[in-house]
Amino acid sequence: MSEKKGQRGIDKHIDRLKGQLASLKQRARAKQGELYTAELMRAKKDYGIDVGTIVLRYGKEYRVCEIRPEGLGKPLVKGCPRLKSGEFSRAVRHLYGQWTLPTSAPAKGGER
């Protein structure tokens, strides 16, 4: 009978640890979200980039659809290329850190 009590004590301890771990994981996810938001704000402040911003890569225009801040360096970017019609494609291209902001805003239509 004492073996069953000992087993129940271990089971309770394991359940308590699992509950604590679940709580810590939830808090970690929340902090990761806060960190990502702060890094996006820094990218906007330092590099003037945000989702929807028009950037250039090798002279071709792209509309930013995703930003992945990478430490203190230039953020990695994904963008949709401008088509000949002036609208933006739905195809997503990895621009990495090889992008620049245009010197002036494009005058063409097609932006959503």
N, C-alpha and C. Protein backbone atom coordinates (compact mmCIF):
# COMPACT_ATOMS: atom_id res chain seq x y z
N MET A 1 0.82 -1.19 0.00
CA MET A 1 0.00 0.00 0.00
C MET A 1 0.86 1.25 0.00
N SER A 2 2.00 1.19 0.69
CA SER A 2 2.88 2.36 0.72
C SER A 2 3.47 2.64 -0.66
N GLU A 3 3.60 1.59 -1.49
CA GLU A 3 4.10 1.79 -2.85
C GLU A 3 3.10 2.62 -3.65
N LYS A 4 1.80 2.38 -3.45
CA LYS A 4 0.78 3.14 -4.17
C LYS A 4 0.80 4.60 -3.73
N LYS A 5 0.98 4.85 -2.45
CA LYS A 5 1.04 6.23 -1.95
C LYS A 5 2.25 6.94 -2.52
N GLY A 6 3.36 6.23 -2.55
CA GLY A 6 4.58 6.81 -3.11
C GLY A 6 4.41 7.11 -4.59
N GLN A 7 3.75 6.21 -5.29
CA GLN A 7 3.49 6.40 -6.73
C GLN A 7 2.57 7.60 -6.95
N ARG A 8 1.52 7.71 -6.10
CA ARG A 8 0.61 8.85 -6.24
C ARG A 8 1.33 10.17 -5.97
N GLY A 9 2.24 10.16 -5.01
CA GLY A 9 3.01 11.38 -4.72
C GLY A 9 3.88 11.79 -5.90
N ILE A 10 4.48 10.79 -6.54
CA ILE A 10 5.31 11.07 -7.72
C ILE A 10 4.43 11.57 -8.86
N ASP A 11 3.26 10.95 -9.04
CA ASP A 11 2.33 11.36 -10.10
C ASP A 11 1.88 12.81 -9.90
N LYS A 12 1.57 13.16 -8.65
CA LYS A 12 1.17 14.54 -8.35
C LYS A 12 2.30 15.52 -8.65
N HIS A 13 3.50 15.11 -8.26
CA HIS A 13 4.67 15.97 -8.52
C HIS A 13 4.87 16.16 -10.02
N ILE A 14 4.73 15.08 -10.80
CA ILE A 14 4.87 15.16 -12.25
C ILE A 14 3.79 16.07 -12.84
N ASP A 15 2.54 15.90 -12.39
CA ASP A 15 1.45 16.74 -12.87
C ASP A 15 1.69 18.22 -12.54
N ARG A 16 2.20 18.48 -11.35
CA ARG A 16 2.50 19.85 -10.94
C ARG A 16 3.59 20.45 -11.83
N LEU A 17 4.62 19.66 -12.12
CA LEU A 17 5.70 20.13 -12.99
C LEU A 17 5.20 20.37 -14.42
N LYS A 18 4.33 19.50 -14.92
CA LYS A 18 3.77 19.69 -16.26
C LYS A 18 2.94 20.98 -16.31
N GLY A 19 2.19 21.25 -15.28
CA GLY A 19 1.40 22.49 -15.21
C GLY A 19 2.30 23.71 -15.20
N GLN A 20 3.37 23.65 -14.42
CA GLN A 20 4.32 24.76 -14.37
C GLN A 20 4.99 24.98 -15.73
N LEU A 21 5.34 23.88 -16.38
CA LEU A 21 5.97 23.96 -17.70
C LEU A 21 5.02 24.57 -18.72
N ALA A 22 3.76 24.18 -18.71
CA ALA A 22 2.77 24.74 -19.63
C ALA A 22 2.62 26.25 -19.40
N SER A 23 2.61 26.65 -18.14
CA SER A 23 2.50 28.07 -17.81
C SER A 23 3.73 28.85 -18.32
N LEU A 24 4.91 28.28 -18.13
CA LEU A 24 6.13 28.94 -18.60
C LEU A 24 6.17 29.04 -20.12
N LYS A 25 5.69 28.00 -20.82
CA LYS A 25 5.65 28.04 -22.28
C LYS A 25 4.72 29.14 -22.77
N GLN A 26 3.58 29.28 -22.10
CA GLN A 26 2.63 30.32 -22.48
C GLN A 26 3.23 31.71 -22.26
N ARG A 27 3.90 31.91 -21.14
CA ARG A 27 4.56 33.20 -20.87
C ARG A 27 5.67 33.45 -21.87
N ALA A 28 6.42 32.40 -22.25
CA ALA A 28 7.51 32.56 -23.22
C ALA A 28 6.95 32.98 -24.58
N ARG A 29 5.83 32.38 -25.01
CA ARG A 29 5.21 32.77 -26.29
C ARG A 29 4.78 34.22 -26.26
N ALA A 30 4.23 34.66 -25.15
CA ALA A 30 3.81 36.06 -25.02
C ALA A 30 5.02 36.99 -25.11
N LYS A 31 6.11 36.62 -24.45
CA LYS A 31 7.32 37.45 -24.49
C LYS A 31 7.94 37.46 -25.89
N GLN A 32 7.87 36.32 -26.60
CA GLN A 32 8.37 36.28 -27.97
C GLN A 32 7.58 37.24 -28.85
N GLY A 33 6.28 37.30 -28.65
CA GLY A 33 5.44 38.23 -29.40
C GLY A 33 5.82 39.68 -29.11
N GLU A 34 6.04 39.98 -27.85
CA GLU A 34 6.46 41.34 -27.46
C GLU A 34 7.81 41.69 -28.08
N LEU A 35 8.74 40.75 -28.05
CA LEU A 35 10.06 40.97 -28.62
C LEU A 35 9.97 41.21 -30.13
N TYR A 36 9.17 40.41 -30.82
CA TYR A 36 9.00 40.57 -32.27
C TYR A 36 8.43 41.96 -32.59
N THR A 37 7.41 42.39 -31.82
CA THR A 37 6.82 43.71 -32.03
C THR A 37 7.85 44.81 -31.81
N ALA A 38 8.66 44.69 -30.77
CA ALA A 38 9.70 45.70 -30.50
C ALA A 38 10.74 45.71 -31.61
N GLU A 39 11.11 44.53 -32.12
CA GLU A 39 12.09 44.48 -33.21
C GLU A 39 11.53 45.08 -34.49
N LEU A 40 10.24 44.88 -34.75
CA LEU A 40 9.62 45.51 -35.92
C LEU A 40 9.60 47.03 -35.78
N MET A 41 9.33 47.50 -34.56
CA MET A 41 9.35 48.95 -34.32
C MET A 41 10.75 49.51 -34.55
N ARG A 42 11.78 48.77 -34.12
CA ARG A 42 13.15 49.21 -34.34
C ARG A 42 13.49 49.22 -35.83
N ALA A 43 13.03 48.20 -36.57
CA ALA A 43 13.29 48.15 -38.01
C ALA A 43 12.63 49.34 -38.70
N LYS A 44 11.43 49.69 -38.26
CA LYS A 44 10.73 50.84 -38.85
C LYS A 44 11.47 52.13 -38.54
N LYS A 45 11.95 52.25 -37.30
CA LYS A 45 12.66 53.47 -36.89
C LYS A 45 14.03 53.57 -37.56
N ASP A 46 14.79 52.48 -37.55
CA ASP A 46 16.16 52.52 -38.06
C ASP A 46 16.25 52.47 -39.58
N TYR A 47 15.34 51.73 -40.22
CA TYR A 47 15.45 51.50 -41.66
C TYR A 47 14.27 52.05 -42.45
N GLY A 48 13.25 52.57 -41.78
CA GLY A 48 12.09 53.14 -42.47
C GLY A 48 11.28 52.11 -43.23
N ILE A 49 11.25 50.88 -42.75
CA ILE A 49 10.56 49.81 -43.47
C ILE A 49 9.41 49.27 -42.63
N ASP A 50 8.32 48.94 -43.33
CA ASP A 50 7.15 48.37 -42.69
C ASP A 50 6.45 47.51 -43.74
N VAL A 51 5.52 46.67 -43.33
CA VAL A 51 4.77 45.88 -44.30
C VAL A 51 4.00 46.85 -45.19
N GLY A 52 4.12 46.66 -46.50
CA GLY A 52 3.47 47.55 -47.46
C GLY A 52 4.42 48.58 -48.06
N THR A 53 5.59 48.75 -47.47
CA THR A 53 6.59 49.69 -47.98
C THR A 53 7.13 49.19 -49.32
N ILE A 54 7.41 50.11 -50.22
CA ILE A 54 8.01 49.77 -51.50
C ILE A 54 9.53 49.82 -51.33
N VAL A 55 10.20 48.75 -51.74
CA VAL A 55 11.66 48.69 -51.67
C VAL A 55 12.20 48.30 -53.05
N LEU A 56 13.49 48.51 -53.23
CA LEU A 56 14.16 48.14 -54.47
C LEU A 56 15.17 47.04 -54.20
N ARG A 57 15.27 46.12 -55.14
CA ARG A 57 16.34 45.12 -55.12
C ARG A 57 16.82 44.98 -56.55
N TYR A 58 18.06 45.33 -56.77
CA TYR A 58 18.66 45.31 -58.10
C TYR A 58 17.81 46.12 -59.08
N GLY A 59 17.28 47.25 -58.64
CA GLY A 59 16.52 48.16 -59.49
C GLY A 59 15.06 47.78 -59.70
N LYS A 60 14.61 46.65 -59.19
CA LYS A 60 13.23 46.22 -59.36
C LYS A 60 12.45 46.51 -58.09
N GLU A 61 11.21 46.99 -58.26
CA GLU A 61 10.38 47.35 -57.11
C GLU A 61 9.65 46.13 -56.53
N TYR A 62 9.56 46.12 -55.21
CA TYR A 62 8.83 45.08 -54.48
C TYR A 62 8.03 45.74 -53.38
N ARG A 63 6.88 45.17 -53.07
CA ARG A 63 6.11 45.63 -51.91
C ARG A 63 6.36 44.64 -50.78
N VAL A 64 6.80 45.14 -49.66
CA VAL A 64 7.15 44.29 -48.52
C VAL A 64 5.90 43.61 -47.97
N CYS A 65 5.98 42.28 -47.83
CA CYS A 65 4.85 41.54 -47.27
C CYS A 65 5.22 40.86 -45.96
N GLU A 66 6.52 40.78 -45.65
CA GLU A 66 6.95 40.16 -44.40
C GLU A 66 8.33 40.70 -44.02
N ILE A 67 8.50 40.94 -42.74
CA ILE A 67 9.79 41.42 -42.22
C ILE A 67 10.21 40.47 -41.11
N ARG A 68 11.46 40.07 -41.15
CA ARG A 68 12.01 39.23 -40.08
C ARG A 68 13.25 39.91 -39.54
N PRO A 69 13.11 40.63 -38.43
CA PRO A 69 14.26 41.30 -37.84
C PRO A 69 15.32 40.28 -37.43
N GLU A 70 16.56 40.58 -37.73
CA GLU A 70 17.67 39.68 -37.40
C GLU A 70 18.69 40.44 -36.57
N GLY A 71 18.56 40.36 -35.27
CA GLY A 71 19.54 40.99 -34.39
C GLY A 71 19.62 42.49 -34.63
N LEU A 72 20.82 43.00 -34.69
CA LEU A 72 21.02 44.44 -34.86
C LEU A 72 21.25 44.83 -36.31
N GLY A 73 21.31 43.86 -37.21
CA GLY A 73 21.56 44.15 -38.61
C GLY A 73 20.29 44.49 -39.37
N LYS A 74 20.46 44.63 -40.67
CA LYS A 74 19.35 44.95 -41.56
C LYS A 74 18.35 43.79 -41.54
N PRO A 75 17.05 44.10 -41.43
CA PRO A 75 16.07 43.02 -41.36
C PRO A 75 15.95 42.25 -42.68
N LEU A 76 15.63 40.97 -42.56
CA LEU A 76 15.38 40.16 -43.74
C LEU A 76 13.95 40.42 -44.19
N VAL A 77 13.76 40.53 -45.50
CA VAL A 77 12.48 40.97 -46.04
C VAL A 77 11.99 40.00 -47.12
N LYS A 78 10.68 39.83 -47.17
CA LYS A 78 10.03 39.15 -48.29
C LYS A 78 9.14 40.18 -48.97
N GLY A 79 9.08 40.12 -50.30
CA GLY A 79 8.28 41.10 -51.01
C GLY A 79 7.65 40.52 -52.27
N CYS A 80 6.67 41.24 -52.77
CA CYS A 80 5.97 40.88 -54.01
C CYS A 80 6.43 41.82 -55.11
N PRO A 81 6.89 41.29 -56.25
CA PRO A 81 7.41 42.16 -57.31
C PRO A 81 6.30 42.93 -58.03
N ARG A 82 6.66 44.11 -58.53
CA ARG A 82 5.73 44.91 -59.33
C ARG A 82 5.71 44.32 -60.73
N LEU A 83 4.50 44.15 -61.26
CA LEU A 83 4.33 43.62 -62.60
C LEU A 83 4.42 44.73 -63.64
N LYS A 84 4.50 44.37 -64.91
CA LYS A 84 4.55 45.36 -65.98
C LYS A 84 3.29 46.21 -66.01
N SER A 85 2.18 45.64 -65.55
CA SER A 85 0.90 46.36 -65.52
C SER A 85 0.88 47.44 -64.44
N GLY A 86 1.86 47.41 -63.55
CA GLY A 86 1.93 48.39 -62.46
C GLY A 86 1.40 47.85 -61.14
N GLU A 87 0.68 46.74 -61.20
CA GLU A 87 0.18 46.12 -59.97
C GLU A 87 1.27 45.22 -59.40
N PHE A 88 1.03 44.76 -58.18
CA PHE A 88 1.99 43.87 -57.54
C PHE A 88 1.53 42.43 -57.65
N SER A 89 2.46 41.57 -57.92
CA SER A 89 2.20 40.14 -58.00
C SER A 89 1.86 39.60 -56.61
N ARG A 90 1.27 38.42 -56.60
CA ARG A 90 1.02 37.76 -55.32
C ARG A 90 2.18 36.82 -54.97
N ALA A 91 3.07 36.63 -55.92
CA ALA A 91 4.23 35.78 -55.69
C ALA A 91 5.15 36.44 -54.66
N VAL A 92 5.63 35.65 -53.74
CA VAL A 92 6.49 36.18 -52.67
C VAL A 92 7.93 35.81 -52.98
N ARG A 93 8.81 36.80 -52.90
CA ARG A 93 10.23 36.60 -53.15
C ARG A 93 11.02 36.96 -51.89
N HIS A 94 12.05 36.19 -51.63
CA HIS A 94 12.96 36.49 -50.51
C HIS A 94 13.94 37.55 -51.00
N LEU A 95 13.91 38.70 -50.36
CA LEU A 95 14.84 39.78 -50.71
C LEU A 95 16.03 39.80 -49.77
N TYR A 96 15.92 39.06 -48.69
CA TYR A 96 16.96 38.99 -47.66
C TYR A 96 17.32 40.40 -47.21
N GLY A 97 18.57 40.71 -47.08
CA GLY A 97 18.98 42.05 -46.67
C GLY A 97 19.44 42.88 -47.85
N GLN A 98 19.20 42.40 -49.06
CA GLN A 98 19.68 43.07 -50.27
C GLN A 98 18.61 43.97 -50.86
N TRP A 99 18.13 44.91 -50.08
CA TRP A 99 17.11 45.83 -50.54
C TRP A 99 17.48 47.23 -50.11
N THR A 100 16.92 48.21 -50.79
CA THR A 100 17.09 49.61 -50.44
C THR A 100 15.75 50.31 -50.57
N LEU A 101 15.62 51.42 -49.89
CA LEU A 101 14.42 52.24 -50.04
C LEU A 101 14.60 53.12 -51.26
N PRO A 102 13.56 53.31 -52.05
CA PRO A 102 13.68 54.22 -53.19
C PRO A 102 13.86 55.65 -52.69
N THR A 103 14.47 56.49 -53.52
CA THR A 103 14.71 57.88 -53.10
C THR A 103 13.42 58.67 -53.04
N SER A 104 12.42 58.30 -53.86
CA SER A 104 11.12 58.95 -53.80
C SER A 104 10.04 57.89 -53.98
N ALA A 105 8.84 58.20 -53.53
CA ALA A 105 7.74 57.25 -53.63
C ALA A 105 7.36 57.06 -55.09
N PRO A 106 7.05 55.84 -55.50
CA PRO A 106 6.67 55.61 -56.89
C PRO A 106 5.34 56.30 -57.21
N ALA A 107 5.23 56.85 -58.42
CA ALA A 107 4.03 57.56 -58.82
C ALA A 107 3.00 56.63 -59.47
N LYS A 108 3.38 55.39 -59.76
CA LYS A 108 2.49 54.45 -60.42
C LYS A 108 1.37 54.01 -59.50
N GLY A 109 0.25 53.62 -60.08
CA GLY A 109 -0.87 53.09 -59.31
C GLY A 109 -0.67 51.61 -59.05
N GLY A 110 -1.72 50.95 -58.63
CA GLY A 110 -1.66 49.51 -58.40
C GLY A 110 -1.37 49.14 -56.98
N GLU A 111 -1.15 50.11 -56.12
CA GLU A 111 -0.90 49.79 -54.72
C GLU A 111 -2.23 49.55 -54.04
N ARG A 112 -2.26 48.59 -53.15
CA ARG A 112 -3.52 48.26 -52.46
C ARG A 112 -3.48 48.79 -51.07
